[in-house]
């Protein structure tokens, strides 16, 4: 059976390039292990610096400090690699995990209040959430 070859449209290529530029802009510019603080120091392209204690990085926490010092940054700045541990981490995912952003968002979404309940009831009276059209 012959497989059809999918060709990307110009719009898809432009969108992919824009996503790549956004990912690179949000990525890391440098990474290093600080032995004195026993932490991974990630310098973002924005100039922000995240100092992540080694004890908070899964798989790296249990390893020897010399293995933590063997850290590399991907060419796009989107991931950290620890070759001696065979471990890779998405930079933004690691930062979200360490600083509890995902957990804070989960908790915020799970909050229950009288105001939220009233808003949900009012929305239900109107017919609920608008349906989204399925794109093909």
Protein backbone atom coordinates (compact mmCIF):
# COMPACT_ATOMS: atom_id res chain seq x y z
CA UNK A 1 0.00 0.00 0.00
CA UNK A 2 1.46 3.36 -1.00
CA UNK A 3 1.68 6.04 1.64
CA UNK A 4 0.74 9.56 0.76
CA UNK A 5 3.39 12.11 1.49
CA UNK A 6 2.11 15.06 3.50
CA UNK A 7 3.38 18.44 2.39
CA UNK A 8 3.40 21.32 4.85
CA UNK A 9 1.67 24.50 3.77
CA UNK A 10 3.42 27.86 3.79
CA UNK A 11 1.27 28.89 6.75
CA UNK A 12 2.31 25.81 8.73
CA UNK A 13 5.98 26.49 8.00
CA UNK A 14 5.65 30.12 9.08
CA UNK A 15 3.86 29.02 12.27
CA UNK A 16 6.53 26.39 13.03
CA UNK A 17 9.30 28.94 12.59
CA UNK A 18 7.48 31.34 14.93
CA UNK A 19 7.14 28.57 17.55
CA UNK A 20 10.85 27.82 17.21
CA UNK A 21 11.79 31.48 17.69
CA UNK A 22 9.51 31.71 20.74
CA UNK A 23 11.01 28.54 22.22
CA UNK A 24 14.53 29.81 21.67
CA UNK A 25 13.68 33.21 23.18
CA UNK A 26 12.28 31.52 26.28
CA UNK A 27 15.14 29.05 26.53
CA UNK A 28 18.34 28.96 28.50
CA UNK A 29 21.53 30.68 27.42
CA UNK A 30 23.87 28.88 29.83
CA UNK A 31 23.96 26.21 32.52
CA UNK A 32 26.56 25.40 35.15
CA UNK A 33 26.91 23.45 38.37
CA UNK A 34 27.82 25.56 41.42
CA UNK A 35 29.74 23.25 43.78
CA UNK A 36 29.68 25.74 46.66
CA UNK A 37 25.88 25.93 46.64
CA UNK A 38 25.42 22.35 45.35
CA UNK A 39 23.02 23.72 42.76
CA UNK A 40 22.39 23.86 39.03
CA UNK A 41 22.46 27.47 37.81
CA UNK A 42 20.44 28.13 34.66
CA UNK A 43 20.80 31.52 32.98
CA UNK A 44 17.87 32.26 30.70
CA UNK A 45 18.09 34.28 27.50
CA UNK A 46 15.89 36.88 29.19
CA UNK A 47 18.66 37.44 31.76
CA UNK A 48 16.79 35.70 34.58
CA UNK A 49 18.82 33.22 36.61
CA UNK A 50 17.31 30.13 38.23
CA UNK A 51 19.37 28.44 40.93
CA UNK A 52 18.02 24.94 41.48
CA UNK A 53 19.34 22.91 44.42
CA UNK A 54 20.66 19.57 43.18
CA UNK A 55 18.50 17.82 45.79
CA UNK A 56 15.38 18.97 43.92
CA UNK A 57 16.36 17.50 40.54
CA UNK A 58 15.09 13.92 40.18
CA UNK A 59 17.87 11.44 39.41
CA UNK A 60 20.54 14.08 39.94
CA UNK A 61 19.79 14.37 43.67
CA UNK A 62 20.92 10.79 44.30
CA UNK A 63 24.03 11.10 42.12
CA UNK A 64 27.51 12.22 43.04
CA UNK A 65 28.13 15.98 42.76
CA UNK A 66 30.72 15.34 40.03
CA UNK A 67 27.93 13.86 37.88
CA UNK A 68 25.85 17.00 38.41
CA UNK A 69 28.79 19.06 37.20
CA UNK A 70 28.63 17.15 33.91
CA UNK A 71 25.65 19.16 32.61
CA UNK A 72 25.10 20.33 29.04
CA UNK A 73 22.62 22.66 27.38
CA UNK A 74 20.83 21.67 24.17
CA UNK A 75 21.55 23.82 21.10
CA UNK A 76 18.13 25.48 21.28
CA UNK A 77 18.45 26.05 25.02
CA UNK A 78 15.30 24.08 25.71
CA UNK A 79 16.76 21.16 27.66
CA UNK A 80 19.48 20.17 30.11
CA UNK A 81 21.39 16.93 29.64
CA UNK A 82 23.41 15.04 32.22
CA UNK A 83 25.35 12.59 29.98
CA UNK A 84 26.98 10.66 32.83
CA UNK A 85 23.52 10.03 34.33
CA UNK A 86 21.72 9.54 31.00
CA UNK A 87 19.16 12.10 32.16
CA UNK A 88 17.48 14.92 30.24
CA UNK A 89 15.15 17.65 31.47
CA UNK A 90 13.12 20.30 29.67
CA UNK A 91 14.35 23.60 31.12
CA UNK A 92 10.93 25.19 31.52
CA UNK A 93 9.40 21.97 32.86
CA UNK A 94 12.15 21.61 35.46
CA UNK A 95 11.74 25.22 36.56
CA UNK A 96 7.95 24.81 36.80
CA UNK A 97 8.38 21.65 38.85
CA UNK A 98 10.97 23.09 41.22
CA UNK A 99 9.11 26.34 41.81
CA UNK A 100 5.75 24.56 42.13
CA UNK A 101 4.03 26.39 39.29
CA UNK A 102 2.15 23.32 38.06
CA UNK A 103 1.00 22.46 41.57
CA UNK A 104 -0.08 26.05 42.26
CA UNK A 105 -2.13 26.08 39.04
CA UNK A 106 -3.71 22.73 39.92
CA UNK A 107 -4.68 23.99 43.36
CA UNK A 108 -6.04 27.26 41.94
CA UNK A 109 -8.17 25.34 39.46
CA UNK A 110 -9.52 23.10 42.20
CA UNK A 111 -10.58 25.87 44.54
CA UNK A 112 -14.23 26.03 45.45
CA UNK A 113 -15.90 29.19 46.53
CA UNK A 114 -19.44 30.52 46.68
CA UNK A 115 -18.62 33.02 43.91
CA UNK A 116 -17.25 30.28 41.64
CA UNK A 117 -20.26 28.05 42.29
CA UNK A 118 -22.64 30.93 41.51
CA UNK A 119 -20.78 31.70 38.28
CA UNK A 120 -21.00 28.04 37.25
CA UNK A 121 -24.74 27.96 37.94
CA UNK A 122 -25.27 31.17 35.95
CA UNK A 123 -23.27 29.75 33.06
CA UNK A 124 -25.31 26.54 33.19
CA UNK A 125 -28.56 28.51 32.95
CA UNK A 126 -27.21 30.09 29.76
CA UNK A 127 -26.62 26.65 28.27
CA UNK A 128 -23.11 25.96 29.54
CA UNK A 129 -19.86 26.47 27.70
CA UNK A 130 -20.08 27.22 24.02
CA UNK A 131 -19.32 24.20 21.87
CA UNK A 132 -16.12 24.31 19.92
CA UNK A 133 -16.22 23.33 16.29
CA UNK A 134 -14.10 20.34 15.38
CA UNK A 135 -11.47 21.18 12.79
CA UNK A 136 -10.66 18.57 10.18
